[in-house]
């Protein structure tokens, strides 16, 4: 799906991008190096674990998704700055003010 999206869709897409980013970071960390393990009674057996994926390509994909998340966040924030919340008006008086008990007694 390509093209303009709503804020609701953008928030869902951001979650999807973040989950994919986390998965790829984990995969990159597991895949980043060759590992050699020795085992057996006399440590005479060897097991070599080779990276399954191209590390550079995987890192580029991780970076690309992280960049996409940043761009989406900026777009959502820019949209929120120009969009009014429907059915609500801000009223700072709701917060109220507190007067110290000593000042209240002096005023009486």
C-alpha atoms as a PDB file:
ATOM      1  CA  UNK A   1       0.000   0.000   0.000  1.00  0.00           C
ATOM      2  CA  UNK A   2       1.463   3.322  -1.045  1.00  0.00           C
ATOM      3  CA  UNK A   3       0.149   6.863  -0.847  1.00  0.00           C
ATOM      4  CA  UNK A   4      -1.174   9.240   1.809  1.00  0.00           C
ATOM      5  CA  UNK A   5      -2.422   7.729   5.073  1.00  0.00           C
ATOM      6  CA  UNK A   6      -4.489   8.850   8.052  1.00  0.00           C
ATOM      7  CA  UNK A   7      -2.999   9.516  11.480  1.00  0.00           C
ATOM      8  CA  UNK A   8      -4.545   6.296  12.787  1.00  0.00           C
ATOM      9  CA  UNK A   9      -2.973   4.293   9.972  1.00  0.00           C
ATOM     10  CA  UNK A  10       0.331   6.121  10.496  1.00  0.00           C
ATOM     11  CA  UNK A  11       0.388   5.122  14.166  1.00  0.00           C
ATOM     12  CA  UNK A  12      -0.279   1.485  13.267  1.00  0.00           C
ATOM     13  CA  UNK A  13       2.374   1.609  10.542  1.00  0.00           C
ATOM     14  CA  UNK A  14       4.854   3.074  13.031  1.00  0.00           C
ATOM     15  CA  UNK A  15       4.228   0.151  15.375  1.00  0.00           C
ATOM     16  CA  UNK A  16       4.791  -2.296  12.508  1.00  0.00           C
ATOM     17  CA  UNK A  17       8.014  -0.539  11.494  1.00  0.00           C
ATOM     18  CA  UNK A  18       9.272  -0.530  15.089  1.00  0.00           C
ATOM     19  CA  UNK A  19       8.571  -4.245  15.523  1.00  0.00           C
ATOM     20  CA  UNK A  20      10.329  -5.057  12.241  1.00  0.00           C
ATOM     21  CA  UNK A  21      13.277  -2.872  13.281  1.00  0.00           C
ATOM     22  CA  UNK A  22      13.584  -4.732  16.600  1.00  0.00           C
ATOM     23  CA  UNK A  23      13.424  -8.111  14.832  1.00  0.00           C
ATOM     24  CA  UNK A  24      16.137  -7.122  12.360  1.00  0.00           C
ATOM     25  CA  UNK A  25      18.392  -5.667  15.074  1.00  0.00           C
ATOM     26  CA  UNK A  26      18.140  -8.951  16.970  1.00  0.00           C
ATOM     27  CA  UNK A  27      18.867 -10.913  13.796  1.00  0.00           C
ATOM     28  CA  UNK A  28      21.804  -8.648  12.968  1.00  0.00           C
ATOM     29  CA  UNK A  29      23.268  -9.133  16.442  1.00  0.00           C
ATOM     30  CA  UNK A  30      22.971 -12.917  16.171  1.00  0.00           C
ATOM     31  CA  UNK A  31      24.273 -12.970  12.606  1.00  0.00           C
ATOM     32  CA  UNK A  32      27.120 -10.477  12.937  1.00  0.00           C
ATOM     33  CA  UNK A  33      30.027 -12.845  13.482  1.00  0.00           C
ATOM     34  CA  UNK A  34      31.310 -16.306  12.840  1.00  0.00           C
ATOM     35  CA  UNK A  35      31.304 -18.443  15.947  1.00  0.00           C
ATOM     36  CA  UNK A  36      33.437 -21.507  16.598  1.00  0.00           C
ATOM     37  CA  UNK A  37      32.582 -23.875  19.441  1.00  0.00           C
ATOM     38  CA  UNK A  38      34.623 -26.805  20.666  1.00  0.00           C
ATOM     39  CA  UNK A  39      32.968 -29.643  22.518  1.00  0.00           C
ATOM     40  CA  UNK A  40      33.348 -33.288  23.394  1.00  0.00           C
ATOM     41  CA  UNK A  41      35.179 -35.120  26.157  1.00  0.00           C
ATOM     42  CA  UNK A  42      38.571 -34.066  24.832  1.00  0.00           C
ATOM     43  CA  UNK A  43      37.350 -30.860  23.200  1.00  0.00           C
ATOM     44  CA  UNK A  44      38.149 -32.516  19.907  1.00  0.00           C
ATOM     45  CA  UNK A  45      34.933 -31.712  18.097  1.00  0.00           C
ATOM     46  CA  UNK A  46      34.352 -28.386  16.426  1.00  0.00           C
ATOM     47  CA  UNK A  47      31.176 -26.626  15.378  1.00  0.00           C
ATOM     48  CA  UNK A  48      31.437 -23.496  13.240  1.00  0.00           C
ATOM     49  CA  UNK A  49      28.405 -21.231  12.928  1.00  0.00           C
ATOM     50  CA  UNK A  50      28.609 -19.038   9.834  1.00  0.00           C
ATOM     51  CA  UNK A  51      26.513 -15.891   9.351  1.00  0.00           C
ATOM     52  CA  UNK A  52      23.385 -16.745   7.348  1.00  0.00           C
ATOM     53  CA  UNK A  53      22.803 -13.281   5.908  1.00  0.00           C
ATOM     54  CA  UNK A  54      24.990 -10.589   4.408  1.00  0.00           C
ATOM     55  CA  UNK A  55      25.851  -8.439   7.429  1.00  0.00           C
ATOM     56  CA  UNK A  56      26.224  -5.204   5.438  1.00  0.00           C
ATOM     57  CA  UNK A  57      22.890  -5.682   3.670  1.00  0.00           C
ATOM     58  CA  UNK A  58      21.161  -6.491   6.960  1.00  0.00           C
ATOM     59  CA  UNK A  59      22.674  -3.413   8.606  1.00  0.00           C
ATOM     60  CA  UNK A  60      21.534  -1.227   5.692  1.00  0.00           C
ATOM     61  CA  UNK A  61      17.993  -2.568   6.086  1.00  0.00           C
ATOM     62  CA  UNK A  62      18.040  -1.834   9.833  1.00  0.00           C
ATOM     63  CA  UNK A  63      19.268   1.705   9.144  1.00  0.00           C
ATOM     64  CA  UNK A  64      16.654   2.229   6.436  1.00  0.00           C
ATOM     65  CA  UNK A  65      13.789   1.187   8.716  1.00  0.00           C
ATOM     66  CA  UNK A  66      15.099   3.371  11.559  1.00  0.00           C
ATOM     67  CA  UNK A  67      15.191   6.329   9.149  1.00  0.00           C
ATOM     68  CA  UNK A  68      11.627   5.567   8.005  1.00  0.00           C
ATOM     69  CA  UNK A  69      10.428   5.549  11.635  1.00  0.00           C
ATOM     70  CA  UNK A  70      12.059   8.968  12.208  1.00  0.00           C
ATOM     71  CA  UNK A  71      10.475  10.404   9.045  1.00  0.00           C
ATOM     72  CA  UNK A  72       7.075   9.024  10.013  1.00  0.00           C
ATOM     73  CA  UNK A  73       7.381  10.480  13.535  1.00  0.00           C
ATOM     74  CA  UNK A  74       8.222  13.898  12.089  1.00  0.00           C
ATOM     75  CA  UNK A  75       5.265  13.702   9.683  1.00  0.00           C
ATOM     76  CA  UNK A  76       2.870  12.696  12.474  1.00  0.00           C
ATOM     77  CA  UNK A  77       4.098  15.576  14.663  1.00  0.00           C
ATOM     78  CA  UNK A  78       3.764  18.069  11.809  1.00  0.00           C
ATOM     79  CA  UNK A  79       0.231  16.838  11.107  1.00  0.00           C
ATOM     80  CA  UNK A  80      -0.705  17.070  14.781  1.00  0.00           C
ATOM     81  CA  UNK A  81       0.504  20.681  14.921  1.00  0.00           C
ATOM     82  CA  UNK A  82      -2.032  21.768  12.304  1.00  0.00           C
ATOM     83  CA  UNK A  83      -4.927  19.513  13.306  1.00  0.00           C
ATOM     84  CA  UNK A  84      -7.461  20.618  15.903  1.00  0.00           C
ATOM     85  CA  UNK A  85      -8.967  18.168  18.364  1.00  0.00           C
ATOM     86  CA  UNK A  86     -12.699  17.905  17.654  1.00  0.00           C
ATOM     87  CA  UNK A  87     -15.171  18.334  20.489  1.00  0.00           C
ATOM     88  CA  UNK A  88     -12.716  19.665  23.074  1.00  0.00           C
ATOM     89  CA  UNK A  89     -11.634  23.132  24.141  1.00  0.00           C
ATOM     90  CA  UNK A  90      -8.719  23.631  26.486  1.00  0.00           C
ATOM     91  CA  UNK A  91      -9.496  25.431  29.729  1.00  0.00           C
ATOM     92  CA  UNK A  92      -6.537  26.161  31.996  1.00  0.00           C
ATOM     93  CA  UNK A  93      -8.888  27.218  34.810  1.00  0.00           C
ATOM     94  CA  UNK A  94      -9.600  23.522  35.393  1.00  0.00           C
ATOM     95  CA  UNK A  95      -6.095  23.193  36.846  1.00  0.00           C
ATOM     96  CA  UNK A  96      -7.000  25.580  39.663  1.00  0.00           C
ATOM     97  CA  UNK A  97      -4.642  27.476  41.930  1.00  0.00           C
ATOM     98  CA  UNK A  98      -3.616  26.681  45.459  1.00  0.00           C
ATOM     99  CA  UNK A  99      -3.225  29.271  48.170  1.00  0.00           C
ATOM    100  CA  UNK A 100      -1.072  28.491  51.183  1.00  0.00           C
ATOM    101  CA  UNK A 101      -3.050  28.020  54.392  1.00  0.00           C
ATOM    102  CA  UNK A 102      -1.080  30.820  56.136  1.00  0.00           C
ATOM    103  CA  UNK A 103      -1.896  33.319  53.382  1.00  0.00           C
ATOM    104  CA  UNK A 104      -5.544  32.346  53.478  1.00  0.00           C
ATOM    105  CA  UNK A 105      -5.779  33.111  57.258  1.00  0.00           C
ATOM    106  CA  UNK A 106      -4.022  36.493  56.816  1.00  0.00           C
ATOM    107  CA  UNK A 107      -6.515  37.567  54.189  1.00  0.00           C
ATOM    108  CA  UNK A 108      -9.514  37.020  56.532  1.00  0.00           C
END
